[in-house]
Amino acid sequence: MSRPSREQVRARLLGAATEEFRARGYAGARLDVIARAAGFTKGAVYSNFDSKQGLFTALLAHHADALLESLLAGVDGVGVDEGVRRIGLALGARVVADPQWHLLVLELAVQAGRDDVVRRAYTAQRRAQRAALAELVRDRADQWGAVGLDGTAAAQVLLAVLLGLTVEHAADPVAVGEAEIATAVSAVLAGLLAAAAARPAGAG
């Protein structure tokens, strides 16, 4: 049998890591368990990722890229009202489909406040995610006539709202379900777009 490529090794490690982190949380996840589940030795983890923090950061980036791709596909070529509705539905569905993942992100955020090494890895990835989301929001806002929208601020608000709704869903999934999350996200985004569209040209 031929040896797997570096891309295949990384993909298998990321898949095994996702399950291990979901099952045990960030603090409890073990690199040797991840390596065995992927069919490799622990050395394979360190040859592809510099640390546990690096591995989880790569997972965050992978999930963030997948989310942005789905949002882009969902709003391509539609108007503002339908686009806002679709974004809300997509994010609501994502939270409900995989609540454990979103709680892992929250766990890492808390850990980042206590551990400088974790914080550096988490902060770098989170900034990259905010920047990518900001670009997406700016592009769509321009198409929808909200040219003055501050994409960076909008991305910060949306991510904060989504994280808060994730916590509320985990605590009370009946009252804060997919429909409620979708409605809340859509309302926030619609408000941001409406405020930008109403701002006089040239206003800061």
N, C-alpha and C. Protein backbone atom coordinates (compact mmCIF):
# COMPACT_ATOMS: atom_id res chain seq x y z
N MET A 1 0.84 -1.20 0.00
CA MET A 1 0.00 0.00 0.00
C MET A 1 0.87 1.25 0.00
N SER A 2 0.46 2.26 -0.75
CA SER A 2 1.21 3.51 -0.80
C SER A 2 1.00 4.29 0.49
N ARG A 3 2.00 5.08 0.83
CA ARG A 3 1.90 5.90 2.04
C ARG A 3 0.92 7.04 1.78
N PRO A 4 0.13 7.39 2.79
CA PRO A 4 -0.79 8.51 2.61
C PRO A 4 -0.02 9.82 2.45
N SER A 5 -0.59 10.72 1.67
CA SER A 5 0.04 12.02 1.47
C SER A 5 -0.08 12.85 2.74
N ARG A 6 0.68 13.95 2.80
CA ARG A 6 0.62 14.82 3.97
C ARG A 6 -0.79 15.37 4.16
N GLU A 7 -1.47 15.70 3.05
CA GLU A 7 -2.83 16.21 3.13
C GLU A 7 -3.78 15.16 3.70
N GLN A 8 -3.59 13.90 3.30
CA GLN A 8 -4.43 12.82 3.81
C GLN A 8 -4.18 12.58 5.30
N VAL A 9 -2.91 12.66 5.70
CA VAL A 9 -2.58 12.48 7.12
C VAL A 9 -3.24 13.58 7.94
N ARG A 10 -3.12 14.82 7.50
CA ARG A 10 -3.73 15.94 8.22
C ARG A 10 -5.25 15.78 8.30
N ALA A 11 -5.85 15.37 7.19
CA ALA A 11 -7.30 15.21 7.18
C ALA A 11 -7.75 14.14 8.16
N ARG A 12 -7.02 13.02 8.22
CA ARG A 12 -7.39 11.95 9.16
C ARG A 12 -7.17 12.38 10.60
N LEU A 13 -6.10 13.11 10.85
CA LEU A 13 -5.85 13.61 12.21
C LEU A 13 -6.92 14.61 12.62
N LEU A 14 -7.31 15.49 11.72
CA LEU A 14 -8.34 16.48 12.04
C LEU A 14 -9.69 15.80 12.31
N GLY A 15 -9.99 14.77 11.53
CA GLY A 15 -11.23 14.03 11.77
C GLY A 15 -11.24 13.35 13.12
N ALA A 16 -10.14 12.69 13.46
CA ALA A 16 -10.04 12.02 14.76
C ALA A 16 -10.03 13.04 15.89
N ALA A 17 -9.38 14.17 15.68
CA ALA A 17 -9.31 15.20 16.71
C ALA A 17 -10.69 15.79 16.98
N THR A 18 -11.47 15.97 15.94
CA THR A 18 -12.82 16.51 16.13
C THR A 18 -13.62 15.63 17.08
N GLU A 19 -13.57 14.33 16.88
CA GLU A 19 -14.32 13.41 17.74
C GLU A 19 -13.78 13.38 19.16
N GLU A 20 -12.46 13.42 19.30
CA GLU A 20 -11.86 13.38 20.64
C GLU A 20 -12.18 14.66 21.42
N PHE A 21 -12.07 15.79 20.76
CA PHE A 21 -12.39 17.05 21.45
C PHE A 21 -13.87 17.11 21.80
N ARG A 22 -14.73 16.64 20.91
CA ARG A 22 -16.16 16.62 21.22
C ARG A 22 -16.44 15.73 22.43
N ALA A 23 -15.79 14.58 22.49
CA ALA A 23 -16.07 13.61 23.54
C ALA A 23 -15.51 14.04 24.90
N ARG A 24 -14.31 14.65 24.90
CA ARG A 24 -13.61 14.92 26.16
C ARG A 24 -13.43 16.40 26.47
N GLY A 25 -13.79 17.28 25.54
CA GLY A 25 -13.53 18.69 25.75
C GLY A 25 -12.09 19.02 25.43
N TYR A 26 -11.78 20.31 25.43
CA TYR A 26 -10.41 20.72 25.09
C TYR A 26 -9.41 20.22 26.14
N ALA A 27 -9.71 20.45 27.39
CA ALA A 27 -8.76 20.10 28.46
C ALA A 27 -8.52 18.60 28.54
N GLY A 28 -9.57 17.81 28.29
CA GLY A 28 -9.44 16.37 28.47
C GLY A 28 -8.95 15.61 27.26
N ALA A 29 -8.93 16.25 26.10
CA ALA A 29 -8.51 15.56 24.87
C ALA A 29 -7.04 15.19 24.93
N ARG A 30 -6.70 14.00 24.39
CA ARG A 30 -5.32 13.49 24.44
C ARG A 30 -4.81 13.25 23.03
N LEU A 31 -3.58 13.71 22.78
CA LEU A 31 -3.00 13.58 21.45
C LEU A 31 -2.71 12.13 21.09
N ASP A 32 -2.34 11.29 22.07
CA ASP A 32 -2.07 9.89 21.75
C ASP A 32 -3.34 9.17 21.31
N VAL A 33 -4.47 9.52 21.93
CA VAL A 33 -5.75 8.92 21.53
C VAL A 33 -6.12 9.36 20.12
N ILE A 34 -5.91 10.64 19.82
CA ILE A 34 -6.20 11.16 18.48
C ILE A 34 -5.34 10.44 17.44
N ALA A 35 -4.06 10.28 17.73
CA ALA A 35 -3.15 9.62 16.79
C ALA A 35 -3.58 8.19 16.52
N ARG A 36 -3.91 7.44 17.59
CA ARG A 36 -4.33 6.04 17.41
C ARG A 36 -5.62 5.95 16.60
N ALA A 37 -6.57 6.84 16.89
CA ALA A 37 -7.84 6.80 16.18
C ALA A 37 -7.66 7.08 14.69
N ALA A 38 -6.65 7.90 14.36
CA ALA A 38 -6.38 8.22 12.97
C ALA A 38 -5.52 7.17 12.28
N GLY A 39 -4.95 6.24 13.08
CA GLY A 39 -4.12 5.19 12.52
C GLY A 39 -2.65 5.53 12.45
N PHE A 40 -2.20 6.48 13.30
CA PHE A 40 -0.81 6.91 13.27
C PHE A 40 -0.23 6.89 14.68
N THR A 41 1.06 7.20 14.76
CA THR A 41 1.69 7.37 16.06
C THR A 41 1.56 8.83 16.49
N LYS A 42 1.87 9.10 17.76
CA LYS A 42 1.79 10.47 18.26
C LYS A 42 2.75 11.39 17.50
N GLY A 43 3.84 10.80 16.98
CA GLY A 43 4.79 11.60 16.22
C GLY A 43 4.16 12.25 15.00
N ALA A 44 3.16 11.58 14.43
CA ALA A 44 2.50 12.13 13.24
C ALA A 44 1.77 13.42 13.58
N VAL A 45 1.25 13.48 14.82
CA VAL A 45 0.57 14.71 15.25
C VAL A 45 1.57 15.86 15.28
N TYR A 46 2.72 15.62 15.90
CA TYR A 46 3.70 16.69 16.05
C TYR A 46 4.40 17.04 14.74
N SER A 47 4.38 16.14 13.77
CA SER A 47 4.98 16.48 12.48
C SER A 47 4.03 17.34 11.63
N ASN A 48 2.78 17.42 12.03
CA ASN A 48 1.80 18.21 11.29
C ASN A 48 1.28 19.41 12.07
N PHE A 49 1.32 19.31 13.40
CA PHE A 49 0.84 20.38 14.26
C PHE A 49 1.84 20.55 15.40
N ASP A 50 2.14 21.79 15.75
CA ASP A 50 3.21 22.01 16.71
C ASP A 50 2.82 21.70 18.15
N SER A 51 1.50 21.59 18.42
CA SER A 51 1.06 21.40 19.79
C SER A 51 -0.42 21.05 19.80
N LYS A 52 -0.94 20.76 20.96
CA LYS A 52 -2.39 20.56 21.11
C LYS A 52 -3.14 21.83 20.71
N GLN A 53 -2.59 22.98 21.13
CA GLN A 53 -3.21 24.25 20.77
C GLN A 53 -3.22 24.44 19.25
N GLY A 54 -2.11 24.09 18.62
CA GLY A 54 -2.02 24.21 17.17
C GLY A 54 -3.00 23.31 16.45
N LEU A 55 -3.19 22.11 16.96
CA LEU A 55 -4.14 21.18 16.37
C LEU A 55 -5.56 21.72 16.49
N PHE A 56 -5.91 22.22 17.66
CA PHE A 56 -7.27 22.72 17.83
C PHE A 56 -7.48 24.00 17.02
N THR A 57 -6.45 24.82 16.91
CA THR A 57 -6.55 26.02 16.08
C THR A 57 -6.81 25.65 14.63
N ALA A 58 -6.15 24.60 14.14
CA ALA A 58 -6.39 24.14 12.78
C ALA A 58 -7.84 23.66 12.62
N LEU A 59 -8.36 23.01 13.66
CA LEU A 59 -9.76 22.59 13.62
C LEU A 59 -10.70 23.79 13.55
N LEU A 60 -10.41 24.81 14.35
CA LEU A 60 -11.22 26.03 14.32
C LEU A 60 -11.23 26.64 12.93
N ALA A 61 -10.05 26.71 12.31
CA ALA A 61 -9.96 27.28 10.97
C ALA A 61 -10.75 26.45 9.96
N HIS A 62 -10.66 25.13 10.08
CA HIS A 62 -11.38 24.24 9.17
C HIS A 62 -12.90 24.45 9.28
N HIS A 63 -13.40 24.51 10.50
CA HIS A 63 -14.83 24.72 10.70
C HIS A 63 -15.27 26.11 10.26
N ALA A 64 -14.43 27.11 10.52
CA ALA A 64 -14.76 28.48 10.12
C ALA A 64 -14.83 28.59 8.60
N ASP A 65 -13.89 27.97 7.90
CA ASP A 65 -13.89 28.00 6.43
C ASP A 65 -15.15 27.33 5.88
N ALA A 66 -15.53 26.19 6.47
CA ALA A 66 -16.72 25.49 6.00
C ALA A 66 -17.97 26.33 6.22
N LEU A 67 -18.03 27.03 7.35
CA LEU A 67 -19.19 27.88 7.63
C LEU A 67 -19.27 29.03 6.64
N LEU A 68 -18.16 29.70 6.39
CA LEU A 68 -18.16 30.82 5.47
C LEU A 68 -18.53 30.38 4.06
N GLU A 69 -18.05 29.22 3.64
CA GLU A 69 -18.39 28.70 2.32
C GLU A 69 -19.89 28.45 2.21
N SER A 70 -20.49 27.90 3.26
CA SER A 70 -21.93 27.63 3.22
C SER A 70 -22.73 28.93 3.21
N LEU A 71 -22.26 29.94 3.95
CA LEU A 71 -22.96 31.23 3.96
C LEU A 71 -22.86 31.89 2.60
N LEU A 72 -21.69 31.84 1.98
CA LEU A 72 -21.52 32.43 0.66
C LEU A 72 -22.44 31.78 -0.37
N ALA A 73 -22.48 30.45 -0.35
CA ALA A 73 -23.32 29.73 -1.29
C ALA A 73 -24.79 30.04 -1.06
N GLY A 74 -25.17 30.23 0.19
CA GLY A 74 -26.57 30.43 0.52
C GLY A 74 -27.12 31.78 0.12
N VAL A 75 -26.26 32.80 0.03
CA VAL A 75 -26.76 34.15 -0.26
C VAL A 75 -26.34 34.63 -1.64
N ASP A 76 -25.77 33.77 -2.44
CA ASP A 76 -25.31 34.16 -3.76
C ASP A 76 -26.50 34.52 -4.66
N GLY A 77 -26.52 35.77 -5.11
CA GLY A 77 -27.52 36.18 -6.08
C GLY A 77 -28.90 36.46 -5.55
N VAL A 78 -29.07 36.59 -4.24
CA VAL A 78 -30.40 36.87 -3.68
C VAL A 78 -30.44 38.28 -3.10
N GLY A 79 -31.65 38.80 -2.88
CA GLY A 79 -31.82 40.13 -2.31
C GLY A 79 -31.59 40.16 -0.83
N VAL A 80 -31.67 41.37 -0.27
CA VAL A 80 -31.30 41.56 1.13
C VAL A 80 -32.20 40.79 2.08
N ASP A 81 -33.51 40.85 1.89
CA ASP A 81 -34.42 40.18 2.84
C ASP A 81 -34.22 38.67 2.82
N GLU A 82 -34.12 38.11 1.63
CA GLU A 82 -33.92 36.66 1.52
C GLU A 82 -32.52 36.28 2.00
N GLY A 83 -31.53 37.12 1.72
CA GLY A 83 -30.18 36.83 2.17
C GLY A 83 -30.06 36.82 3.67
N VAL A 84 -30.66 37.82 4.32
CA VAL A 84 -30.66 37.88 5.78
C VAL A 84 -31.36 36.66 6.37
N ARG A 85 -32.49 36.29 5.76
CA ARG A 85 -33.23 35.12 6.25
C ARG A 85 -32.38 33.86 6.13
N ARG A 86 -31.71 33.69 5.01
CA ARG A 86 -30.90 32.48 4.78
C ARG A 86 -29.71 32.41 5.73
N ILE A 87 -29.09 33.54 5.99
CA ILE A 87 -27.95 33.55 6.93
C ILE A 87 -28.43 33.14 8.31
N GLY A 88 -29.55 33.69 8.75
CA GLY A 88 -30.09 33.30 10.05
C GLY A 88 -30.40 31.81 10.11
N LEU A 89 -31.03 31.29 9.06
CA LEU A 89 -31.36 29.86 9.03
C LEU A 89 -30.10 29.00 9.04
N ALA A 90 -29.09 29.41 8.28
CA ALA A 90 -27.86 28.62 8.21
C ALA A 90 -27.15 28.57 9.56
N LEU A 91 -27.08 29.71 10.24
CA LEU A 91 -26.40 29.73 11.53
C LEU A 91 -27.21 29.01 12.61
N GLY A 92 -28.53 29.16 12.57
CA GLY A 92 -29.36 28.43 13.52
C GLY A 92 -29.22 26.94 13.35
N ALA A 93 -29.23 26.49 12.09
CA ALA A 93 -29.08 25.05 11.83
C ALA A 93 -27.72 24.55 12.27
N ARG A 94 -26.68 25.37 12.07
CA ARG A 94 -25.32 24.95 12.43
C ARG A 94 -25.18 24.77 13.94
N VAL A 95 -25.75 25.67 14.72
CA VAL A 95 -25.67 25.57 16.19
C VAL A 95 -26.39 24.32 16.68
N VAL A 96 -27.60 24.10 16.18
CA VAL A 96 -28.41 22.97 16.65
C VAL A 96 -27.84 21.64 16.19
N ALA A 97 -27.26 21.62 14.99
CA ALA A 97 -26.72 20.36 14.46
C ALA A 97 -25.48 19.91 15.21
N ASP A 98 -24.70 20.85 15.74
CA ASP A 98 -23.44 20.48 16.39
C ASP A 98 -23.17 21.37 17.60
N PRO A 99 -24.03 21.31 18.61
CA PRO A 99 -23.84 22.20 19.77
C PRO A 99 -22.55 21.93 20.51
N GLN A 100 -22.08 20.67 20.51
CA GLN A 100 -20.85 20.35 21.23
C GLN A 100 -19.66 21.10 20.66
N TRP A 101 -19.64 21.27 19.35
CA TRP A 101 -18.52 21.99 18.75
C TRP A 101 -18.49 23.44 19.22
N HIS A 102 -19.65 24.09 19.23
CA HIS A 102 -19.70 25.49 19.63
C HIS A 102 -19.37 25.66 21.12
N LEU A 103 -19.73 24.68 21.93
CA LEU A 103 -19.34 24.74 23.34
C LEU A 103 -17.83 24.54 23.50
N LEU A 104 -17.23 23.76 22.60
CA LEU A 104 -15.77 23.61 22.62
C LEU A 104 -15.09 24.95 22.35
N VAL A 105 -15.63 25.70 21.40
CA VAL A 105 -15.08 27.02 21.11
C VAL A 105 -15.17 27.92 22.34
N LEU A 106 -16.31 27.83 23.02
CA LEU A 106 -16.48 28.61 24.24
C LEU A 106 -15.49 28.16 25.32
N GLU A 107 -15.30 26.86 25.44
CA GLU A 107 -14.35 26.33 26.42
C GLU A 107 -12.94 26.84 26.13
N LEU A 108 -12.57 26.87 24.86
CA LEU A 108 -11.24 27.34 24.50
C LEU A 108 -11.10 28.84 24.79
N ALA A 109 -12.18 29.59 24.57
CA ALA A 109 -12.14 31.03 24.86
C ALA A 109 -11.88 31.26 26.35
N VAL A 110 -12.54 30.47 27.19
CA VAL A 110 -12.32 30.59 28.63
C VAL A 110 -10.89 30.20 28.98
N GLN A 111 -10.40 29.12 28.37
CA GLN A 111 -9.04 28.67 28.62
C GLN A 111 -8.03 29.72 28.17
N ALA A 112 -8.35 30.41 27.09
CA ALA A 112 -7.44 31.44 26.56
C ALA A 112 -7.27 32.59 27.54
N GLY A 113 -8.29 32.83 28.36
CA GLY A 113 -8.18 33.88 29.35
C GLY A 113 -7.28 33.52 30.52
N ARG A 114 -6.91 32.24 30.61
CA ARG A 114 -6.10 31.78 31.73
C ARG A 114 -4.71 31.29 31.33
N ASP A 115 -4.52 31.05 30.04
CA ASP A 115 -3.28 30.42 29.57
C ASP A 115 -2.76 31.23 28.38
N ASP A 116 -1.57 31.81 28.53
CA ASP A 116 -1.03 32.67 27.48
C ASP A 116 -0.78 31.91 26.18
N VAL A 117 -0.33 30.66 26.28
CA VAL A 117 -0.05 29.87 25.08
C VAL A 117 -1.35 29.62 24.31
N VAL A 118 -2.39 29.22 25.03
CA VAL A 118 -3.68 28.99 24.39
C VAL A 118 -4.22 30.30 23.82
N ARG A 119 -4.05 31.37 24.58
CA ARG A 119 -4.57 32.66 24.14
C ARG A 119 -3.96 33.09 22.81
N ARG A 120 -2.65 32.92 22.66
CA ARG A 120 -2.00 33.34 21.42
C ARG A 120 -2.54 32.56 20.22
N ALA A 121 -2.71 31.26 20.38
CA ALA A 121 -3.23 30.44 19.29
C ALA A 121 -4.70 30.78 19.00
N TYR A 122 -5.48 30.91 20.04
CA TYR A 122 -6.90 31.20 19.88
C TYR A 122 -7.12 32.58 19.28
N THR A 123 -6.38 33.57 19.77
CA THR A 123 -6.55 34.94 19.30
C THR A 123 -6.22 35.07 17.81
N ALA A 124 -5.14 34.44 17.38
CA ALA A 124 -4.75 34.53 15.98
C ALA A 124 -5.83 33.95 15.07
N GLN A 125 -6.38 32.79 15.46
CA GLN A 125 -7.40 32.18 14.62
C GLN A 125 -8.69 32.98 14.66
N ARG A 126 -9.06 33.46 15.84
CA ARG A 126 -10.31 34.21 15.97
C ARG A 126 -10.26 35.50 15.17
N ARG A 127 -9.10 36.15 15.15
CA ARG A 127 -8.96 37.37 14.35
C ARG A 127 -9.10 37.06 12.87
N ALA A 128 -8.52 35.94 12.45
CA ALA A 128 -8.64 35.55 11.04
C ALA A 128 -10.10 35.26 10.69
N GLN A 129 -10.83 34.61 11.61
CA GLN A 129 -12.24 34.32 11.35
C GLN A 129 -13.06 35.61 11.27
N ARG A 130 -12.80 36.53 12.19
CA ARG A 130 -13.52 37.82 12.16
C ARG A 130 -13.25 38.57 10.86
N ALA A 131 -11.98 38.54 10.42
CA ALA A 131 -11.62 39.25 9.20
C ALA A 131 -12.32 38.65 7.98
N ALA A 132 -12.37 37.32 7.92
CA ALA A 132 -13.04 36.66 6.79
C ALA A 132 -14.54 36.95 6.81
N LEU A 133 -15.15 36.90 7.98
CA LEU A 133 -16.58 37.20 8.09
C LEU A 133 -16.84 38.66 7.77
N ALA A 134 -15.96 39.55 8.21
CA ALA A 134 -16.12 40.98 7.92
C ALA A 134 -16.11 41.23 6.42
N GLU A 135 -15.21 40.56 5.72
CA GLU A 135 -15.15 40.72 4.26
C GLU A 135 -16.42 40.22 3.60
N LEU A 136 -16.92 39.07 4.06
CA LEU A 136 -18.16 38.54 3.52
C LEU A 136 -19.32 39.51 3.75
N VAL A 137 -19.43 40.03 4.97
CA VAL A 137 -20.53 40.93 5.30
C VAL A 137 -20.42 42.22 4.49
N ARG A 138 -19.22 42.78 4.37
CA ARG A 138 -19.02 44.01 3.59
C ARG A 138 -19.42 43.81 2.13
N ASP A 139 -18.98 42.70 1.55
CA ASP A 139 -19.31 42.44 0.15
C ASP A 139 -20.81 42.36 -0.07
N ARG A 140 -21.49 41.62 0.81
CA ARG A 140 -22.94 41.47 0.65
C ARG A 140 -23.65 42.78 0.96
N ALA A 141 -23.16 43.53 1.95
CA ALA A 141 -23.78 44.80 2.29
C ALA A 141 -23.71 45.77 1.12
N ASP A 142 -22.57 45.79 0.44
CA ASP A 142 -22.44 46.66 -0.73
C ASP A 142 -23.45 46.29 -1.80
N GLN A 143 -23.62 44.99 -2.04
CA GLN A 143 -24.58 44.54 -3.04
C GLN A 143 -26.02 44.87 -2.65
N TRP A 144 -26.26 44.91 -1.34
CA TRP A 144 -27.62 45.15 -0.85
C TRP A 144 -27.89 46.62 -0.54
N GLY A 145 -26.97 47.50 -0.89
CA GLY A 145 -27.20 48.93 -0.73
C GLY A 145 -26.81 49.51 0.60
N ALA A 146 -26.20 48.73 1.46
CA ALA A 146 -25.75 49.23 2.77
C ALA A 146 -24.25 49.48 2.71
N VAL A 147 -23.87 50.45 1.85
CA VAL A 147 -22.46 50.66 1.53
C VAL A 147 -21.67 51.12 2.74
N GLY A 148 -22.30 51.79 3.68
CA GLY A 148 -21.57 52.32 4.83
C GLY A 148 -21.36 51.34 5.96
N LEU A 149 -21.71 50.08 5.77
CA LEU A 149 -21.60 49.12 6.87
C LEU A 149 -20.14 48.89 7.28
N ASP A 150 -19.87 48.95 8.56
CA ASP A 150 -18.56 48.61 9.11
C ASP A 150 -18.50 47.09 9.25
N GLY A 151 -17.84 46.43 8.31
CA GLY A 151 -17.82 44.97 8.30
C GLY A 151 -17.17 44.37 9.52
N THR A 152 -16.10 45.01 10.02
CA THR A 152 -15.42 44.49 11.20
C THR A 152 -16.32 44.52 12.42
N ALA A 153 -16.99 45.65 12.63
CA ALA A 153 -17.90 45.77 13.77
C ALA A 153 -19.06 44.80 13.64
N ALA A 154 -19.59 44.66 12.42
CA ALA A 154 -20.71 43.74 12.19
C ALA A 154 -20.30 42.30 12.47
N ALA A 155 -19.09 41.92 12.06
CA ALA A 155 -18.60 40.57 12.31
C ALA A 155 -18.45 40.32 13.80
N GLN A 156 -17.94 41.30 14.53
CA GLN A 156 -17.79 41.16 15.97
C GLN A 156 -19.14 40.97 16.65
N VAL A 157 -20.12 41.76 16.22
CA VAL A 157 -21.47 41.64 16.80
C VAL A 157 -22.08 40.28 16.50
N LEU A 158 -21.99 39.86 15.24
CA LEU A 158 -22.59 38.58 14.86
C LEU A 158 -21.96 37.40 15.60
N LEU A 159 -20.64 37.39 15.71
CA LEU A 159 -19.98 36.29 16.41
C LEU A 159 -20.33 36.30 17.90
N ALA A 160 -20.41 37.48 18.49
CA ALA A 160 -20.77 37.57 19.91
C ALA A 160 -22.20 37.10 20.14
N VAL A 161 -23.12 37.51 19.25
CA VAL A 161 -24.52 37.08 19.36
C VAL A 161 -24.62 35.56 19.20
N LEU A 162 -23.91 35.04 18.21
CA LEU A 162 -23.97 33.59 17.97
C LEU A 162 -23.41 32.80 19.15
N LEU A 163 -22.32 33.28 19.73
CA LEU A 163 -21.75 32.59 20.89
C LEU A 163 -22.71 32.62 22.07
N GLY A 164 -23.34 33.77 22.29
CA GLY A 164 -24.32 33.87 23.37
C GLY A 164 -25.52 32.96 23.15
N LEU A 165 -26.00 32.90 21.93
CA LEU A 165 -27.14 32.03 21.62
C LEU A 165 -26.76 30.56 21.77
N THR A 166 -25.50 30.24 21.47
CA THR A 166 -25.04 28.86 21.66
C THR A 166 -25.13 28.45 23.12
N VAL A 167 -24.71 29.35 24.01
CA VAL A 167 -24.79 29.07 25.44
C VAL A 167 -26.25 28.92 25.87
N GLU A 168 -27.11 29.81 25.39
CA GLU A 168 -28.54 29.74 25.74
C GLU A 168 -29.17 28.46 25.21
N HIS A 169 -28.78 28.04 24.03
CA HIS A 169 -29.32 26.79 23.47
C HIS A 169 -28.87 25.59 24.29
N ALA A 170 -27.60 25.61 24.71
CA ALA A 170 -27.10 24.49 25.52
C ALA A 170 -27.85 24.39 26.85
N ALA A 171 -28.18 25.56 27.43
CA ALA A 171 -28.86 25.57 28.73
C ALA A 171 -30.35 25.27 28.60
N ASP A 172 -30.98 25.70 27.50
CA ASP A 172 -32.42 25.54 27.34
C ASP A 172 -32.75 25.35 25.86
N PRO A 173 -32.49 24.15 25.31
CA PRO A 173 -32.69 23.93 23.88
C PRO A 173 -34.15 24.00 23.43
N VAL A 174 -35.09 23.86 24.37
CA VAL A 174 -36.50 23.96 24.00
C VAL A 174 -36.89 25.40 23.71
N ALA A 175 -36.49 26.30 24.61
CA ALA A 175 -36.84 27.71 24.45
C ALA A 175 -35.97 28.41 23.42
N VAL A 176 -34.72 27.98 23.30
CA VAL A 176 -33.79 28.60 22.35
C VAL A 176 -33.37 27.54 21.35
N GLY A 177 -34.26 27.28 20.40
CA GLY A 177 -34.01 26.28 19.38
C GLY A 177 -33.56 26.89 18.07
N GLU A 178 -33.59 26.09 17.03
CA GLU A 178 -33.10 26.53 15.72
C GLU A 178 -33.86 27.76 15.22
N ALA A 179 -35.19 27.74 15.34
CA ALA A 179 -35.99 28.86 14.84
C ALA A 179 -35.69 30.15 15.61
N GLU A 180 -35.55 30.04 16.92
CA GLU A 180 -35.27 31.23 17.73
C GLU A 180 -33.89 31.81 17.42
N ILE A 181 -32.92 30.93 17.23
CA ILE A 181 -31.57 31.40 16.89
C ILE A 181 -31.59 32.08 15.53
N ALA A 182 -32.25 31.45 14.55
CA ALA A 182 -32.33 32.04 13.22
C ALA A 182 -32.99 33.41 13.25
N THR A 183 -34.08 33.53 14.01
CA THR A 183 -34.79 34.80 14.10
C THR A 183 -33.92 35.88 14.73
N ALA A 184 -33.23 35.53 15.80
CA ALA A 184 -32.38 36.51 16.49
C ALA A 184 -31.23 36.98 15.61
N VAL A 185 -30.55 36.04 14.96
CA VAL A 185 -29.42 36.40 14.09
C VAL A 185 -29.90 37.26 12.93
N SER A 186 -31.01 36.87 12.31
CA SER A 186 -31.55 37.64 11.18
C SER A 186 -31.93 39.06 11.61
N ALA A 187 -32.53 39.19 12.81
CA ALA A 187 -32.93 40.51 13.30
C ALA A 187 -31.72 41.40 13.52
N VAL A 188 -30.66 40.85 14.11
CA VAL A 188 -29.45 41.63 14.36
C VAL A 188 -28.82 42.07 13.04
N LEU A 189 -28.69 41.15 12.10
CA LEU A 189 -28.08 41.48 10.82
C LEU A 189 -28.92 42.48 10.05
N ALA A 190 -30.24 42.30 10.06
CA ALA A 190 -31.13 43.25 9.37
C ALA A 190 -30.99 44.64 9.96
N GLY A 191 -30.88 44.72 11.29
CA GLY A 191 -30.71 46.02 11.94
C GLY A 191 -29.40 46.69 11.56
N LEU A 192 -28.31 45.92 11.48
CA LEU A 192 -27.02 46.47 11.09
C LEU A 192 -27.07 47.00 9.66
N LEU A 193 -27.67 46.24 8.78
CA LEU A 193 -27.77 46.64 7.38
C LEU A 193 -28.66 47.88 7.21
N ALA A 194 -29.77 47.90 7.91
CA ALA A 194 -30.70 49.04 7.81
C ALA A 194 -30.05 50.32 8.31
N ALA A 195 -29.32 50.21 9.43
CA ALA A 195 -28.64 51.39 9.98
C ALA A 195 -27.59 51.92 9.01
N ALA A 196 -26.85 51.02 8.38
CA ALA A 196 -25.82 51.44 7.42
C ALA A 196 -26.46 52.06 6.18
N ALA A 197 -27.54 51.47 5.69
CA ALA A 197 -28.20 51.99 4.50
C ALA A 197 -28.79 53.37 4.74
N ALA A 198 -29.23 53.64 5.99
CA ALA A 198 -29.86 54.93 6.31
C ALA A 198 -28.84 56.02 6.62
N ARG A 199 -27.57 55.64 6.81
CA ARG A 199 -26.55 56.62 7.16
C ARG A 199 -26.27 57.52 5.97
N PRO A 200 -26.21 58.84 6.17
CA PRO A 200 -25.92 59.76 5.06
C PRO A 200 -24.58 59.46 4.41
N ALA A 201 -24.51 59.65 3.11
CA ALA A 201 -23.26 59.39 2.39
C ALA A 201 -22.14 60.23 2.98
N GLY A 202 -21.01 59.61 3.21
CA GLY A 202 -19.85 60.30 3.75
C GLY A 202 -19.79 60.34 5.25
N ALA A 203 -20.88 59.87 5.94
CA ALA A 203 -20.89 59.87 7.40
C ALA A 203 -19.93 58.83 7.92
N GLY A 204 -19.26 59.10 9.03
CA GLY A 204 -18.30 58.15 9.60
C GLY A 204 -18.97 57.12 10.45
